[in-house]
Amino acid sequence: MMPDEGVVILIVAGALFATGLFCLVARSNLIKMVMGLELLGKGVSLLFVLGGYLGGDTGVSQAVVFTLIAIEAVVAGLALAFAILARRFWKTFDTAAIPRLSPGGER
């Protein structure tokens, strides 16, 4: 891999991470927040792959990425299950309309 390719991968990973973080912070829709969490995880995975390649030890980075993918799948499943339950109970995906998830909501 040429050094320019490493920089491009680093920029793409940073863009994925930044987009995911933006979706988590700036969005109030539960589905969009789960999508942002997945984008954030994919950016981190890409950084692990790049670090393993540049360090010369791809086996460890692949193992970490496989573990991270498995954990992301479980987290996404649980988060989507919570979103479905929130939709059934409060009839919305908007976190501002859900009392315990909104700032100043009931305790």
PDB file of N, CA and C in Angstrom:
ATOM      1  N   MET A   1       0.854  -1.175   0.000  1.00  0.00           N
ATOM      2  CA  MET A   1       0.000   0.000   0.000  1.00  0.00           C
ATOM      3  C   MET A   1       0.897   1.234   0.000  1.00  0.00           C
ATOM      4  N   MET A   2       0.577   2.175  -0.844  1.00  0.00           N
ATOM      5  CA  MET A   2       1.330   3.419  -0.894  1.00  0.00           C
ATOM      6  C   MET A   2       0.890   4.328   0.247  1.00  0.00           C
ATOM      7  N   PRO A   3       1.760   5.241   0.675  1.00  0.00           N
ATOM      8  CA  PRO A   3       1.377   6.140   1.780  1.00  0.00           C
ATOM      9  C   PRO A   3       0.128   6.959   1.487  1.00  0.00           C
ATOM     10  N   ASP A   4      -0.086   7.308   0.223  1.00  0.00           N
ATOM     11  CA  ASP A   4      -1.279   8.086  -0.122  1.00  0.00           C
ATOM     12  C   ASP A   4      -2.554   7.289   0.129  1.00  0.00           C
ATOM     13  N   GLU A   5      -2.500   5.975  -0.102  1.00  0.00           N
ATOM     14  CA  GLU A   5      -3.670   5.141   0.149  1.00  0.00           C
ATOM     15  C   GLU A   5      -3.996   5.093   1.635  1.00  0.00           C
ATOM     16  N   GLY A   6      -2.961   5.071   2.464  1.00  0.00           N
ATOM     17  CA  GLY A   6      -3.174   5.092   3.912  1.00  0.00           C
ATOM     18  C   GLY A   6      -3.841   6.376   4.361  1.00  0.00           C
ATOM     19  N   VAL A   7      -3.448   7.476   3.753  1.00  0.00           N
ATOM     20  CA  VAL A   7      -4.050   8.766   4.097  1.00  0.00           C
ATOM     21  C   VAL A   7      -5.512   8.801   3.660  1.00  0.00           C
ATOM     22  N   VAL A   8      -5.798   8.257   2.486  1.00  0.00           N
ATOM     23  CA  VAL A   8      -7.181   8.228   2.002  1.00  0.00           C
ATOM     24  C   VAL A   8      -8.044   7.379   2.929  1.00  0.00           C
ATOM     25  N   ILE A   9      -7.524   6.216   3.335  1.00  0.00           N
ATOM     26  CA  ILE A   9      -8.280   5.356   4.252  1.00  0.00           C
ATOM     27  C   ILE A   9      -8.479   6.053   5.588  1.00  0.00           C
ATOM     28  N   LEU A  10      -7.469   6.762   6.057  1.00  0.00           N
ATOM     29  CA  LEU A  10      -7.585   7.510   7.310  1.00  0.00           C
ATOM     30  C   LEU A  10      -8.648   8.601   7.200  1.00  0.00           C
ATOM     31  N   ILE A  11      -8.700   9.283   6.079  1.00  0.00           N
ATOM     32  CA  ILE A  11      -9.708  10.327   5.874  1.00  0.00           C
ATOM     33  C   ILE A  11     -11.110   9.719   5.818  1.00  0.00           C
ATOM     34  N   VAL A  12     -11.255   8.593   5.124  1.00  0.00           N
ATOM     35  CA  VAL A  12     -12.562   7.930   5.041  1.00  0.00           C
ATOM     36  C   VAL A  12     -13.004   7.449   6.420  1.00  0.00           C
ATOM     37  N   ALA A  13     -12.072   6.868   7.180  1.00  0.00           N
ATOM     38  CA  ALA A  13     -12.409   6.407   8.532  1.00  0.00           C
ATOM     39  C   ALA A  13     -12.802   7.581   9.421  1.00  0.00           C
ATOM     40  N   GLY A  14     -12.089   8.694   9.297  1.00  0.00           N
ATOM     41  CA  GLY A  14     -12.440   9.886  10.066  1.00  0.00           C
ATOM     42  C   GLY A  14     -13.795  10.441   9.673  1.00  0.00           C
ATOM     43  N   ALA A  15     -14.092  10.404   8.376  1.00  0.00           N
ATOM     44  CA  ALA A  15     -15.400  10.881   7.915  1.00  0.00           C
ATOM     45  C   ALA A  15     -16.525   9.983   8.428  1.00  0.00           C
ATOM     46  N   LEU A  16     -16.316   8.669   8.411  1.00  0.00           N
ATOM     47  CA  LEU A  16     -17.322   7.750   8.957  1.00  0.00           C
ATOM     48  C   LEU A  16     -17.531   7.999  10.444  1.00  0.00           C
ATOM     49  N   PHE A  17     -16.427   8.157  11.172  1.00  0.00           N
ATOM     50  CA  PHE A  17     -16.510   8.405  12.608  1.00  0.00           C
ATOM     51  C   PHE A  17     -17.233   9.718  12.892  1.00  0.00           C
ATOM     52  N   ALA A  18     -16.868  10.779  12.159  1.00  0.00           N
ATOM     53  CA  ALA A  18     -17.485  12.086  12.380  1.00  0.00           C
ATOM     54  C   ALA A  18     -18.973  12.070  12.022  1.00  0.00           C
ATOM     55  N   THR A  19     -19.324  11.398  10.938  1.00  0.00           N
ATOM     56  CA  THR A  19     -20.732  11.306  10.550  1.00  0.00           C
ATOM     57  C   THR A  19     -21.532  10.536  11.591  1.00  0.00           C
ATOM     58  N   GLY A  20     -20.966   9.442  12.082  1.00  0.00           N
ATOM     59  CA  GLY A  20     -21.640   8.668  13.118  1.00  0.00           C
ATOM     60  C   GLY A  20     -21.810   9.447  14.399  1.00  0.00           C
ATOM     61  N   LEU A  21     -20.776  10.178  14.793  1.00  0.00           N
ATOM     62  CA  LEU A  21     -20.862  10.996  16.001  1.00  0.00           C
ATOM     63  C   LEU A  21     -21.891  12.103  15.841  1.00  0.00           C
ATOM     64  N   PHE A  22     -21.948  12.712  14.651  1.00  0.00           N
ATOM     65  CA  PHE A  22     -22.952  13.739  14.385  1.00  0.00           C
ATOM     66  C   PHE A  22     -24.360  13.163  14.496  1.00  0.00           C
ATOM     67  N   CYS A  23     -24.555  11.975  13.936  1.00  0.00           N
ATOM     68  CA  CYS A  23     -25.889  11.348  14.012  1.00  0.00           C
ATOM     69  C   CYS A  23     -26.276  11.039  15.451  1.00  0.00           C
ATOM     70  N   LEU A  24     -25.323  10.656  16.264  1.00  0.00           N
ATOM     71  CA  LEU A  24     -25.625  10.361  17.664  1.00  0.00           C
ATOM     72  C   LEU A  24     -25.962  11.621  18.450  1.00  0.00           C
ATOM     73  N   VAL A  25     -25.242  12.695  18.189  1.00  0.00           N
ATOM     74  CA  VAL A  25     -25.389  13.912  18.990  1.00  0.00           C
ATOM     75  C   VAL A  25     -26.514  14.811  18.481  1.00  0.00           C
ATOM     76  N   ALA A  26     -26.618  14.979  17.170  1.00  0.00           N
ATOM     77  CA  ALA A  26     -27.518  15.992  16.624  1.00  0.00           C
ATOM     78  C   ALA A  26     -28.904  15.471  16.264  1.00  0.00           C
ATOM     79  N   ARG A  27     -29.089  14.186  16.200  1.00  0.00           N
ATOM     80  CA  ARG A  27     -30.382  13.637  15.799  1.00  0.00           C
ATOM     81  C   ARG A  27     -31.174  13.192  17.015  1.00  0.00           C
ATOM     82  N   SER A  28     -32.489  13.288  16.913  1.00  0.00           N
ATOM     83  CA  SER A  28     -33.337  12.846  18.016  1.00  0.00           C
ATOM     84  C   SER A  28     -34.183  11.634  17.629  1.00  0.00           C
ATOM     85  N   ASN A  29     -34.000  11.115  16.431  1.00  0.00           N
ATOM     86  CA  ASN A  29     -34.713   9.931  15.976  1.00  0.00           C
ATOM     87  C   ASN A  29     -33.913   8.695  16.383  1.00  0.00           C
ATOM     88  N   LEU A  30     -34.556   7.743  17.046  1.00  0.00           N
ATOM     89  CA  LEU A  30     -33.853   6.562  17.545  1.00  0.00           C
ATOM     90  C   LEU A  30     -33.236   5.730  16.423  1.00  0.00           C
ATOM     91  N   ILE A  31     -33.915   5.603  15.307  1.00  0.00           N
ATOM     92  CA  ILE A  31     -33.393   4.816  14.190  1.00  0.00           C
ATOM     93  C   ILE A  31     -32.145   5.482  13.615  1.00  0.00           C
ATOM     94  N   LYS A  32     -32.179   6.796  13.463  1.00  0.00           N
ATOM     95  CA  LYS A  32     -31.010   7.514  12.949  1.00  0.00           C
ATOM     96  C   LYS A  32     -29.847   7.450  13.932  1.00  0.00           C
ATOM     97  N   MET A  33     -30.156   7.398  15.219  1.00  0.00           N
ATOM     98  CA  MET A  33     -29.098   7.266  16.216  1.00  0.00           C
ATOM     99  C   MET A  33     -28.434   5.890  16.133  1.00  0.00           C
ATOM    100  N   VAL A  34     -29.211   4.855  15.889  1.00  0.00           N
ATOM    101  CA  VAL A  34     -28.639   3.511  15.721  1.00  0.00           C
ATOM    102  C   VAL A  34     -27.783   3.466  14.459  1.00  0.00           C
ATOM    103  N   MET A  35     -28.252   4.097  13.395  1.00  0.00           N
ATOM    104  CA  MET A  35     -27.456   4.154  12.169  1.00  0.00           C
ATOM    105  C   MET A  35     -26.149   4.907  12.404  1.00  0.00           C
ATOM    106  N   GLY A  36     -26.207   5.989  13.177  1.00  0.00           N
ATOM    107  CA  GLY A  36     -24.997   6.727  13.514  1.00  0.00           C
ATOM    108  C   GLY A  36     -24.033   5.899  14.341  1.00  0.00           C
ATOM    109  N   LEU A  37     -24.568   5.122  15.256  1.00  0.00           N
ATOM    110  CA  LEU A  37     -23.727   4.240  16.069  1.00  0.00           C
ATOM    111  C   LEU A  37     -23.027   3.204  15.193  1.00  0.00           C
ATOM    112  N   GLU A  38     -23.727   2.692  14.204  1.00  0.00           N
ATOM    113  CA  GLU A  38     -23.120   1.726  13.285  1.00  0.00           C
ATOM    114  C   GLU A  38     -22.038   2.390  12.427  1.00  0.00           C
ATOM    115  N   LEU A  39     -22.286   3.601  11.951  1.00  0.00           N
ATOM    116  CA  LEU A  39     -21.267   4.316  11.180  1.00  0.00           C
ATOM    117  C   LEU A  39     -20.030   4.586  12.024  1.00  0.00           C
ATOM    118  N   LEU A  40     -20.241   4.959  13.262  1.00  0.00           N
ATOM    119  CA  LEU A  40     -19.130   5.206  14.175  1.00  0.00           C
ATOM    120  C   LEU A  40     -18.303   3.936  14.348  1.00  0.00           C
ATOM    121  N   GLY A  41     -18.965   2.810  14.525  1.00  0.00           N
ATOM    122  CA  GLY A  41     -18.263   1.538  14.674  1.00  0.00           C
ATOM    123  C   GLY A  41     -17.499   1.137  13.423  1.00  0.00           C
ATOM    124  N   LYS A  42     -18.067   1.421  12.256  1.00  0.00           N
ATOM    125  CA  LYS A  42     -17.374   1.075  11.010  1.00  0.00           C
ATOM    126  C   LYS A  42     -16.127   1.937  10.820  1.00  0.00           C
ATOM    127  N   GLY A  43     -16.184   3.187  11.244  1.00  0.00           N
ATOM    128  CA  GLY A  43     -14.996   4.029  11.187  1.00  0.00           C
ATOM    129  C   GLY A  43     -13.891   3.513  12.087  1.00  0.00           C
ATOM    130  N   VAL A  44     -14.250   3.078  13.280  1.00  0.00           N
ATOM    131  CA  VAL A  44     -13.266   2.513  14.207  1.00  0.00           C
ATOM    132  C   VAL A  44     -12.701   1.212  13.648  1.00  0.00           C
ATOM    133  N   SER A  45     -13.556   0.384  13.057  1.00  0.00           N
ATOM    134  CA  SER A  45     -13.090  -0.872  12.461  1.00  0.00           C
ATOM    135  C   SER A  45     -12.087  -0.609  11.344  1.00  0.00           C
ATOM    136  N   LEU A  46     -12.384   0.378  10.525  1.00  0.00           N
ATOM    137  CA  LEU A  46     -11.473   0.718   9.437  1.00  0.00           C
ATOM    138  C   LEU A  46     -10.131   1.204   9.973  1.00  0.00           C
ATOM    139  N   LEU A  47     -10.147   1.946  11.067  1.00  0.00           N
ATOM    140  CA  LEU A  47      -8.893   2.383  11.683  1.00  0.00           C
ATOM    141  C   LEU A  47      -8.097   1.204  12.231  1.00  0.00           C
ATOM    142  N   PHE A  48      -8.774   0.216  12.814  1.00  0.00           N
ATOM    143  CA  PHE A  48      -8.078  -0.977  13.294  1.00  0.00           C
ATOM    144  C   PHE A  48      -7.428  -1.737  12.135  1.00  0.00           C
ATOM    145  N   VAL A  49      -8.143  -1.867  11.033  1.00  0.00           N
ATOM    146  CA  VAL A  49      -7.589  -2.559   9.869  1.00  0.00           C
ATOM    147  C   VAL A  49      -6.378  -1.806   9.334  1.00  0.00           C
ATOM    148  N   LEU A  50      -6.482  -0.495   9.223  1.00  0.00           N
ATOM    149  CA  LEU A  50      -5.366   0.309   8.737  1.00  0.00           C
ATOM    150  C   LEU A  50      -4.176   0.217   9.679  1.00  0.00           C
ATOM    151  N   GLY A  51      -4.431   0.293  10.979  1.00  0.00           N
ATOM    152  CA  GLY A  51      -3.338   0.189  11.944  1.00  0.00           C
ATOM    153  C   GLY A  51      -2.658  -1.162  11.899  1.00  0.00           C
ATOM    154  N   GLY A  52      -3.431  -2.217  11.743  1.00  0.00           N
ATOM    155  CA  GLY A  52      -2.844  -3.545  11.628  1.00  0.00           C
ATOM    156  C   GLY A  52      -2.021  -3.697  10.369  1.00  0.00           C
ATOM    157  N   TYR A  53      -2.502  -3.123   9.279  1.00  0.00           N
ATOM    158  CA  TYR A  53      -1.759  -3.216   8.026  1.00  0.00           C
ATOM    159  C   TYR A  53      -0.458  -2.426   8.098  1.00  0.00           C
ATOM    160  N   LEU A  54      -0.533  -1.220   8.624  1.00  0.00           N
ATOM    161  CA  LEU A  54       0.672  -0.401   8.711  1.00  0.00           C
ATOM    162  C   LEU A  54       1.660  -0.949   9.732  1.00  0.00           C
ATOM    163  N   GLY A  55       1.154  -1.586  10.782  1.00  0.00           N
ATOM    164  CA  GLY A  55       2.028  -2.177  11.789  1.00  0.00           C
ATOM    165  C   GLY A  55       2.582  -3.527  11.384  1.00  0.00           C
ATOM    166  N   GLY A  56       2.045  -4.117  10.348  1.00  0.00           N
ATOM    167  CA  GLY A  56       2.533  -5.392   9.865  1.00  0.00           C
ATOM    168  C   GLY A  56       1.925  -6.605  10.540  1.00  0.00           C
ATOM    169  N   ASP A  57       0.978  -6.415  11.448  1.00  0.00           N
ATOM    170  CA  ASP A  57       0.348  -7.537  12.143  1.00  0.00           C
ATOM    171  C   ASP A  57      -1.147  -7.505  11.867  1.00  0.00           C
ATOM    172  N   THR A  58      -1.537  -8.059  10.729  1.00  0.00           N
ATOM    173  CA  THR A  58      -2.945  -8.008  10.354  1.00  0.00           C
ATOM    174  C   THR A  58      -3.792  -9.026  11.102  1.00  0.00           C
ATOM    175  N   GLY A  59      -3.176 -10.062  11.643  1.00  0.00           N
ATOM    176  CA  GLY A  59      -3.942 -11.090  12.344  1.00  0.00           C
ATOM    177  C   GLY A  59      -4.642 -10.562  13.576  1.00  0.00           C
ATOM    178  N   VAL A  60      -3.929  -9.784  14.371  1.00  0.00           N
ATOM    179  CA  VAL A  60      -4.521  -9.229  15.590  1.00  0.00           C
ATOM    180  C   VAL A  60      -5.611  -8.224  15.243  1.00  0.00           C
ATOM    181  N   SER A  61      -5.348  -7.375  14.260  1.00  0.00           N
ATOM    182  CA  SER A  61      -6.360  -6.373  13.899  1.00  0.00           C
ATOM    183  C   SER A  61      -7.603  -7.036  13.314  1.00  0.00           C
ATOM    184  N   GLN A  62      -7.430  -8.113  12.558  1.00  0.00           N
ATOM    185  CA  GLN A  62      -8.595  -8.823  12.029  1.00  0.00           C
ATOM    186  C   GLN A  62      -9.417  -9.447  13.145  1.00  0.00           C
ATOM    187  N   ALA A  63      -8.741 -10.004  14.144  1.00  0.00           N
ATOM    188  CA  ALA A  63      -9.464 -10.593  15.275  1.00  0.00           C
ATOM    189  C   ALA A  63     -10.245  -9.529  16.034  1.00  0.00           C
ATOM    190  N   VAL A  64      -9.628  -8.367  16.224  1.00  0.00           N
ATOM    191  CA  VAL A  64     -10.310  -7.275  16.919  1.00  0.00           C
ATOM    192  C   VAL A  64     -11.510  -6.794  16.104  1.00  0.00           C
ATOM    193  N   VAL A  65     -11.336  -6.677  14.804  1.00  0.00           N
ATOM    194  CA  VAL A  65     -12.431  -6.207  13.944  1.00  0.00           C
ATOM    195  C   VAL A  65     -13.573  -7.219  13.920  1.00  0.00           C
ATOM    196  N   PHE A  66     -13.267  -8.507  13.852  1.00  0.00           N
ATOM    197  CA  PHE A  66     -14.330  -9.519  13.890  1.00  0.00           C
ATOM    198  C   PHE A  66     -15.092  -9.455  15.203  1.00  0.00           C
ATOM    199  N   THR A  67     -14.370  -9.283  16.303  1.00  0.00           N
ATOM    200  CA  THR A  67     -15.026  -9.156  17.605  1.00  0.00           C
ATOM    201  C   THR A  67     -15.879  -7.893  17.649  1.00  0.00           C
ATOM    202  N   LEU A  68     -15.352  -6.807  17.113  1.00  0.00           N
ATOM    203  CA  LEU A  68     -16.090  -5.545  17.089  1.00  0.00           C
ATOM    204  C   LEU A  68     -17.357  -5.659  16.246  1.00  0.00           C
ATOM    205  N   ILE A  69     -17.285  -6.364  15.135  1.00  0.00           N
ATOM    206  CA  ILE A  69     -18.470  -6.554  14.295  1.00  0.00           C
ATOM    207  C   ILE A  69     -19.533  -7.356  15.038  1.00  0.00           C
ATOM    208  N   ALA A  70     -19.104  -8.389  15.757  1.00  0.00           N
ATOM    209  CA  ALA A  70     -20.067  -9.192  16.525  1.00  0.00           C
ATOM    210  C   ALA A  70     -20.724  -8.358  17.620  1.00  0.00           C
ATOM    211  N   ILE A  71     -19.934  -7.542  18.311  1.00  0.00           N
ATOM    212  CA  ILE A  71     -20.482  -6.687  19.364  1.00  0.00           C
ATOM    213  C   ILE A  71     -21.427  -5.648  18.767  1.00  0.00           C
ATOM    214  N   GLU A  72     -21.058  -5.079  17.621  1.00  0.00           N
ATOM    215  CA  GLU A  72     -21.928  -4.103  16.954  1.00  0.00           C
ATOM    216  C   GLU A  72     -23.267  -4.716  16.568  1.00  0.00           C
ATOM    217  N   ALA A  73     -23.247  -5.964  16.120  1.00  0.00           N
ATOM    218  CA  ALA A  73     -24.499  -6.623  15.736  1.00  0.00           C
ATOM    219  C   ALA A  73     -25.416  -6.787  16.942  1.00  0.00           C
ATOM    220  N   VAL A  74     -24.849  -7.165  18.076  1.00  0.00           N
ATOM    221  CA  VAL A  74     -25.657  -7.323  19.291  1.00  0.00           C
ATOM    222  C   VAL A  74     -26.204  -5.976  19.749  1.00  0.00           C
ATOM    223  N   VAL A  75     -25.348  -4.958  19.760  1.00  0.00           N
ATOM    224  CA  VAL A  75     -25.782  -3.625  20.192  1.00  0.00           C
ATOM    225  C   VAL A  75     -26.859  -3.082  19.257  1.00  0.00           C
ATOM    226  N   ALA A  76     -26.680  -3.263  17.956  1.00  0.00           N
ATOM    227  CA  ALA A  76     -27.687  -2.784  17.004  1.00  0.00           C
ATOM    228  C   ALA A  76     -29.011  -3.512  17.195  1.00  0.00           C
ATOM    229  N   GLY A  77     -28.949  -4.808  17.422  1.00  0.00           N
ATOM    230  CA  GLY A  77     -30.179  -5.564  17.656  1.00  0.00           C
ATOM    231  C   GLY A  77     -30.912  -5.103  18.897  1.00  0.00           C
ATOM    232  N   LEU A  78     -30.171  -4.896  19.985  1.00  0.00           N
ATOM    233  CA  LEU A  78     -30.801  -4.420  21.219  1.00  0.00           C
ATOM    234  C   LEU A  78     -31.343  -3.003  21.063  1.00  0.00           C
ATOM    235  N   ALA A  79     -30.582  -2.144  20.390  1.00  0.00           N
ATOM    236  CA  ALA A  79     -31.036  -0.764  20.202  1.00  0.00           C
ATOM    237  C   ALA A  79     -32.282  -0.705  19.320  1.00  0.00           C
ATOM    238  N   LEU A  80     -32.315  -1.512  18.278  1.00  0.00           N
ATOM    239  CA  LEU A  80     -33.504  -1.529  17.424  1.00  0.00           C
ATOM    240  C   LEU A  80     -34.700  -2.135  18.150  1.00  0.00           C
ATOM    241  N   ALA A  81     -34.448  -3.126  19.003  1.00  0.00           N
ATOM    242  CA  ALA A  81     -35.545  -3.679  19.808  1.00  0.00           C
ATOM    243  C   ALA A  81     -36.096  -2.614  20.754  1.00  0.00           C
ATOM    244  N   PHE A  82     -35.203  -1.831  21.367  1.00  0.00           N
ATOM    245  CA  PHE A  82     -35.651  -0.733  22.217  1.00  0.00           C
ATOM    246  C   PHE A  82     -36.440   0.298  21.413  1.00  0.00           C
ATOM    247  N   ALA A  83     -35.975   0.595  20.200  1.00  0.00           N
ATOM    248  CA  ALA A  83     -36.682   1.564  19.361  1.00  0.00           C
ATOM    249  C   ALA A  83     -38.081   1.065  19.007  1.00  0.00           C
ATOM    250  N   ILE A  84     -38.204  -0.216  18.729  1.00  0.00           N
ATOM    251  CA  ILE A  84     -39.524  -0.777  18.414  1.00  0.00           C
ATOM    252  C   ILE A  84     -40.436  -0.709  19.634  1.00  0.00           C
ATOM    253  N   LEU A  85     -39.894  -1.028  20.809  1.00  0.00           N
ATOM    254  CA  LEU A  85     -40.699  -0.929  22.027  1.00  0.00           C
ATOM    255  C   LEU A  85     -41.104   0.516  22.311  1.00  0.00           C
ATOM    256  N   ALA A  86     -40.187   1.453  22.084  1.00  0.00           N
ATOM    257  CA  ALA A  86     -40.517   2.868  22.281  1.00  0.00           C
ATOM    258  C   ALA A  86     -41.610   3.296  21.310  1.00  0.00           C
ATOM    259  N   ARG A  87     -41.541   2.812  20.087  1.00  0.00           N
ATOM    260  CA  ARG A  87     -42.565   3.142  19.089  1.00  0.00           C
ATOM    261  C   ARG A  87     -43.934   2.586  19.508  1.00  0.00           C
ATOM    262  N   ARG A  88     -43.946   1.378  20.047  1.00  0.00           N
ATOM    263  CA  ARG A  88     -45.215   0.781  20.477  1.00  0.00           C
ATOM    264  C   ARG A  88     -45.791   1.497  21.692  1.00  0.00           C
ATOM    265  N   PHE A  89     -44.924   1.870  22.633  1.00  0.00           N
ATOM    266  CA  PHE A  89     -45.404   2.455  23.882  1.00  0.00           C
ATOM    267  C   PHE A  89     -45.737   3.932  23.736  1.00  0.00           C
ATOM    268  N   TRP A  90     -44.840   4.719  23.128  1.00  0.00           N
ATOM    269  CA  TRP A  90     -45.029   6.163  23.022  1.00  0.00           C
ATOM    270  C   TRP A  90     -45.461   6.614  21.635  1.00  0.00           C
ATOM    271  N   LYS A  91     -45.562   5.706  20.674  1.00  0.00           N
ATOM    272  CA  LYS A  91     -45.996   6.005  19.302  1.00  0.00           C
ATOM    273  C   LYS A  91     -45.068   6.982  18.579  1.00  0.00           C
ATOM    274  N   THR A  92     -43.775   6.944  18.919  1.00  0.00           N
ATOM    275  CA  THR A  92     -42.816   7.830  18.269  1.00  0.00           C
ATOM    276  C   THR A  92     -41.412   7.252  18.370  1.00  0.00           C
ATOM    277  N   PHE A  93     -40.558   7.666  17.431  1.00  0.00           N
ATOM    278  CA  PHE A  93     -39.129   7.361  17.493  1.00  0.00           C
ATOM    279  C   PHE A  93     -38.342   8.566  17.999  1.00  0.00           C
ATOM    280  N   ASP A  94     -39.012   9.679  18.214  1.00  0.00           N
ATOM    281  CA  ASP A  94     -38.357  10.923  18.603  1.00  0.00           C
ATOM    282  C   ASP A  94     -38.010  10.897  20.090  1.00  0.00           C
ATOM    283  N   THR A  95     -36.717  11.094  20.412  1.00  0.00           N
ATOM    284  CA  THR A  95     -36.299  11.048  21.816  1.00  0.00           C
ATOM    285  C   THR A  95     -36.815  12.248  22.605  1.00  0.00           C
ATOM    286  N   ALA A  96     -37.110  13.345  21.931  1.00  0.00           N
ATOM    287  CA  ALA A  96     -37.634  14.513  22.642  1.00  0.00           C
ATOM    288  C   ALA A  96     -39.060  14.270  23.132  1.00  0.00           C
ATOM    289  N   ALA A  97     -39.779  13.374  22.484  1.00  0.00           N
ATOM    290  CA  ALA A  97     -41.160  13.091  22.881  1.00  0.00           C
ATOM    291  C   ALA A  97     -41.257  11.971  23.914  1.00  0.00           C
ATOM    292  N   ILE A  98     -40.154  11.280  24.154  1.00  0.00           N
ATOM    293  CA  ILE A  98     -40.142  10.205  25.146  1.00  0.00           C
ATOM    294  C   ILE A  98     -39.726  10.820  26.476  1.00  0.00           C
ATOM    295  N   PRO A  99     -40.571  10.754  27.502  1.00  0.00           N
ATOM    296  CA  PRO A  99     -40.329  11.512  28.735  1.00  0.00           C
ATOM    297  C   PRO A  99     -38.973  11.263  29.394  1.00  0.00           C
ATOM    298  N   ARG A 100     -38.558  10.042  29.547  1.00  0.00           N
ATOM    299  CA  ARG A 100     -37.308   9.776  30.256  1.00  0.00           C
ATOM    300  C   ARG A 100     -36.072  10.019  29.400  1.00  0.00           C
ATOM    301  N   LEU A 101     -36.204  10.187  28.118  1.00  0.00           N
ATOM    302  CA  LEU A 101     -35.075  10.442  27.241  1.00  0.00           C
ATOM    303  C   LEU A 101     -34.917  11.912  26.898  1.00  0.00           C
ATOM    304  N   SER A 102     -35.913  12.728  27.218  1.00  0.00           N
ATOM    305  CA  SER A 102     -35.823  14.146  26.906  1.00  0.00           C
ATOM    306  C   SER A 102     -35.208  14.890  28.090  1.00  0.00           C
ATOM    307  N   PRO A 103     -34.527  16.005  27.838  1.00  0.00           N
ATOM    308  CA  PRO A 103     -33.974  16.795  28.936  1.00  0.00           C
ATOM    309  C   PRO A 103     -35.097  17.303  29.837  1.00  0.00           C
ATOM    310  N   GLY A 104     -34.959  17.098  31.113  1.00  0.00           N
ATOM    311  CA  GLY A 104     -35.971  17.540  32.058  1.00  0.00           C
ATOM    312  C   GLY A 104     -37.176  16.628  32.114  1.00  0.00           C
ATOM    313  N   GLY A 105     -37.041  15.413  31.601  1.00  0.00           N
ATOM    314  CA  GLY A 105     -38.147  14.459  31.616  1.00  0.00           C
ATOM    315  C   GLY A 105     -38.418  13.943  33.017  1.00  0.00           C
ATOM    316  N   GLU A 106     -39.525  13.246  33.161  1.00  0.00           N
ATOM    317  CA  GLU A 106     -39.886  12.734  34.481  1.00  0.00           C
ATOM    318  C   GLU A 106     -38.881  11.684  34.937  1.00  0.00           C
ATOM    319  N   ARG A 107     -38.687  11.597  36.212  1.00  0.00           N
ATOM    320  CA  ARG A 107     -37.679  10.680  36.770  1.00  0.00           C
ATOM    321  C   ARG A 107     -38.309   9.455  37.325  1.00  0.00           C
TER     322      ARG A 107
END
